[in-house]
Protein backbone atom coordinates (compact mmCIF):
# COMPACT_ATOMS: atom_id res chain seq x y z
CA MET A 1 -34.31 48.26 -35.74
CA THR A 2 -36.89 48.14 -38.50
CA ASN A 3 -37.07 51.38 -40.52
CA THR A 4 -33.57 52.38 -39.46
CA THR A 5 -30.46 52.48 -41.62
CA CYS A 6 -28.29 49.39 -41.72
CA PRO A 7 -25.08 50.02 -39.75
CA ALA A 8 -21.95 50.66 -41.84
CA LEU A 9 -19.96 47.42 -41.69
CA ARG A 10 -16.86 46.09 -43.38
CA LEU A 11 -15.97 42.53 -42.38
CA PRO A 12 -14.16 39.59 -44.00
CA MET A 13 -16.23 36.88 -45.61
CA THR A 14 -15.69 33.62 -47.43
CA SER A 15 -14.44 33.44 -51.02
CA ASN A 16 -11.74 36.02 -50.19
CA GLY A 17 -14.44 38.66 -50.11
CA MET A 18 -15.31 41.64 -47.98
CA PHE A 19 -18.82 42.19 -46.64
CA ASP A 20 -19.27 45.94 -47.04
CA THR A 21 -22.70 47.43 -46.46
CA GLU A 22 -21.75 50.59 -48.35
CA SER A 23 -20.97 48.62 -51.51
CA LEU A 24 -24.29 46.76 -51.15
CA LYS A 25 -26.36 49.94 -51.43
CA GLY A 26 -28.71 49.63 -54.36
CA GLN A 27 -29.21 45.91 -53.67
CA LYS A 28 -31.57 44.02 -51.38
CA PHE A 29 -29.99 41.49 -49.07
CA VAL A 30 -30.71 39.16 -46.19
CA LEU A 31 -28.27 39.06 -43.29
CA TYR A 32 -28.90 36.16 -40.96
CA PHE A 33 -27.04 35.82 -37.67
CA TYR A 34 -26.48 32.34 -36.31
CA PRO A 35 -24.67 31.04 -33.21
CA LYS A 36 -22.03 28.58 -34.48
CA ASP A 37 -20.75 26.71 -37.52
CA ASN A 38 -21.33 22.95 -37.68
CA THR A 39 -24.05 22.81 -35.05
CA PRO A 40 -27.40 21.13 -35.81
CA GLY A 41 -29.70 24.17 -35.83
CA CYS A 42 -27.23 26.36 -37.70
CA THR A 43 -26.57 23.66 -40.29
CA THR A 44 -30.31 23.20 -40.84
CA GLU A 45 -30.92 26.94 -41.11
CA GLY A 46 -28.05 27.39 -43.57
CA GLY A 47 -29.31 24.40 -45.56
CA ASN A 48 -32.74 25.98 -45.78
CA PHE A 49 -31.21 29.22 -47.10
CA ARG A 50 -29.11 27.12 -49.52
CA ASP A 51 -32.16 25.27 -50.80
CA ALA A 52 -34.08 28.53 -51.33
CA HIS A 53 -31.08 30.48 -52.67
CA GLU A 54 -32.22 30.50 -56.31
CA ALA A 55 -35.61 31.87 -55.24
CA PHE A 56 -33.92 34.66 -53.26
CA LEU A 57 -31.79 35.54 -56.30
CA ALA A 58 -34.90 35.48 -58.51
CA ALA A 59 -36.40 38.03 -56.11
CA GLY A 60 -33.28 40.20 -56.55
CA CYS A 61 -31.99 39.52 -53.06
CA LYS A 62 -28.56 38.33 -51.92
CA VAL A 63 -28.11 36.18 -48.79
CA PHE A 64 -25.30 36.38 -46.22
CA GLY A 65 -24.85 34.33 -43.05
CA LEU A 66 -22.89 35.76 -40.11
CA SER A 67 -21.46 34.33 -36.91
CA ARG A 68 -18.51 34.92 -34.60
CA ASP A 69 -16.64 31.94 -36.07
CA SER A 70 -13.29 32.40 -37.82
CA LEU A 71 -12.96 32.76 -41.56
CA LYS A 72 -11.25 29.34 -41.70
CA SER A 73 -14.19 27.75 -39.86
CA HIS A 74 -16.60 29.50 -42.24
CA GLU A 75 -14.71 28.31 -45.34
CA ASN A 76 -14.87 24.70 -44.11
CA PHE A 77 -18.54 24.98 -43.11
CA LYS A 78 -19.51 26.59 -46.43
CA ALA A 79 -17.68 23.93 -48.45
CA LYS A 80 -19.02 21.01 -46.38
CA GLN A 81 -22.62 22.24 -46.69
CA ALA A 82 -22.29 23.49 -50.31
CA TYR A 83 -23.64 26.92 -49.41
CA PRO A 84 -23.91 29.09 -52.56
CA PHE A 85 -23.76 32.29 -50.48
CA ASP A 86 -20.98 33.79 -48.39
CA LEU A 87 -20.50 33.63 -44.64
CA VAL A 88 -19.30 36.72 -42.79
CA SER A 89 -16.81 36.39 -39.94
CA ASP A 90 -17.39 38.62 -36.90
CA PRO A 91 -15.07 37.36 -34.11
CA ASP A 92 -14.91 40.84 -32.54
CA GLU A 93 -18.72 41.09 -32.50
CA ILE A 94 -18.75 44.34 -34.49
CA ALA A 95 -21.90 43.44 -36.47
CA CYS A 96 -23.35 41.46 -33.56
CA GLN A 97 -23.18 44.54 -31.33
CA ALA A 98 -24.43 46.88 -34.08
CA PHE A 99 -27.51 44.69 -34.59
CA ASN A 100 -27.88 43.97 -30.86
CA VAL A 101 -27.95 40.18 -31.26
CA ILE A 102 -25.66 39.27 -28.33
CA LYS A 103 -27.86 37.91 -25.56
CA THR A 104 -27.40 36.08 -22.28
CA LYS A 105 -28.22 32.40 -22.70
CA LYS A 106 -28.16 29.35 -20.47
CA LEU A 107 -25.73 26.64 -21.53
CA TYR A 108 -25.45 23.58 -19.32
CA GLY A 109 -26.80 25.61 -16.41
CA LYS A 110 -24.32 28.49 -16.86
CA GLU A 111 -25.06 31.92 -18.23
CA VAL A 112 -23.06 32.76 -21.35
CA GLN A 113 -23.14 35.53 -23.94
CA GLY A 114 -24.20 34.18 -27.31
CA VAL A 115 -25.70 35.14 -30.64
CA GLU A 116 -29.48 35.22 -30.72
CA ARG A 117 -30.56 33.66 -34.01
CA SER A 118 -31.84 36.69 -35.94
CA THR A 119 -32.52 37.69 -39.55
CA PHE A 120 -32.66 41.11 -41.16
CA VAL A 121 -33.82 42.16 -44.63
CA ILE A 122 -32.08 45.28 -45.90
CA GLY A 123 -33.54 47.25 -48.79
CA ARG A 124 -31.83 48.94 -51.71
CA ASN A 125 -31.52 52.24 -49.86
CA GLY A 126 -29.82 50.58 -46.86
CA GLU A 127 -32.92 50.61 -44.68
CA ILE A 128 -33.72 47.64 -42.45
CA LEU A 129 -37.11 46.60 -43.79
CA ARG A 130 -37.85 43.64 -41.52
CA GLU A 131 -36.29 41.77 -38.64
CA TRP A 132 -36.88 38.46 -36.95
CA ARG A 133 -35.35 37.78 -33.52
CA GLY A 134 -35.25 34.62 -31.46
CA VAL A 135 -35.76 32.70 -34.69
CA LYS A 136 -36.99 29.12 -34.64
CA VAL A 137 -35.49 27.30 -37.63
CA PRO A 138 -38.52 25.39 -39.02
CA ASP A 139 -40.35 27.45 -41.69
CA HIS A 140 -38.24 30.56 -41.01
CA VAL A 141 -36.53 30.74 -44.41
CA ALA A 142 -39.88 30.31 -46.19
CA GLU A 143 -41.24 33.26 -44.19
CA VAL A 144 -38.22 35.43 -45.05
CA LEU A 145 -38.49 34.49 -48.73
CA ALA A 146 -42.22 35.27 -48.78
CA PHE A 147 -41.47 38.74 -47.38
CA VAL A 148 -38.63 39.36 -49.86
CA GLN A 149 -40.91 38.37 -52.73
CA THR A 150 -43.32 41.17 -51.78
CA LEU A 151 -40.61 43.79 -52.29
CA GLU A 152 -40.07 45.63 -55.55
């Protein structure tokens, strides 16, 4: 998806907000997709984005997390983990389908459809500048931040 335009999306997010890609034009942002609130890997990944949040802001880049969880689940997760950024709720998989992050996974020996941990950096003009798929949590946020810091 790199070098393509970010899909037009309008989805509810925490803090009584609306994630709207059209209103984000002119700003850089990171959109990271994660499987589920309150799970170990997702909590660690979110914590890493939380801990680097000021550095992302200093680079002129907003951060948003997205999963299929409900807004209520997101509000609780955000508060519990003290995330300074908003979480986008996508229970109907609108963004997940648009970014092609729904993949077949094995869970306890059964095949299920789940979110592939993925991160996208969107530039000021709405172009997807970089993507990471099948993300492994350790060192990932540092790599994303290093890329963002190279952007004007």
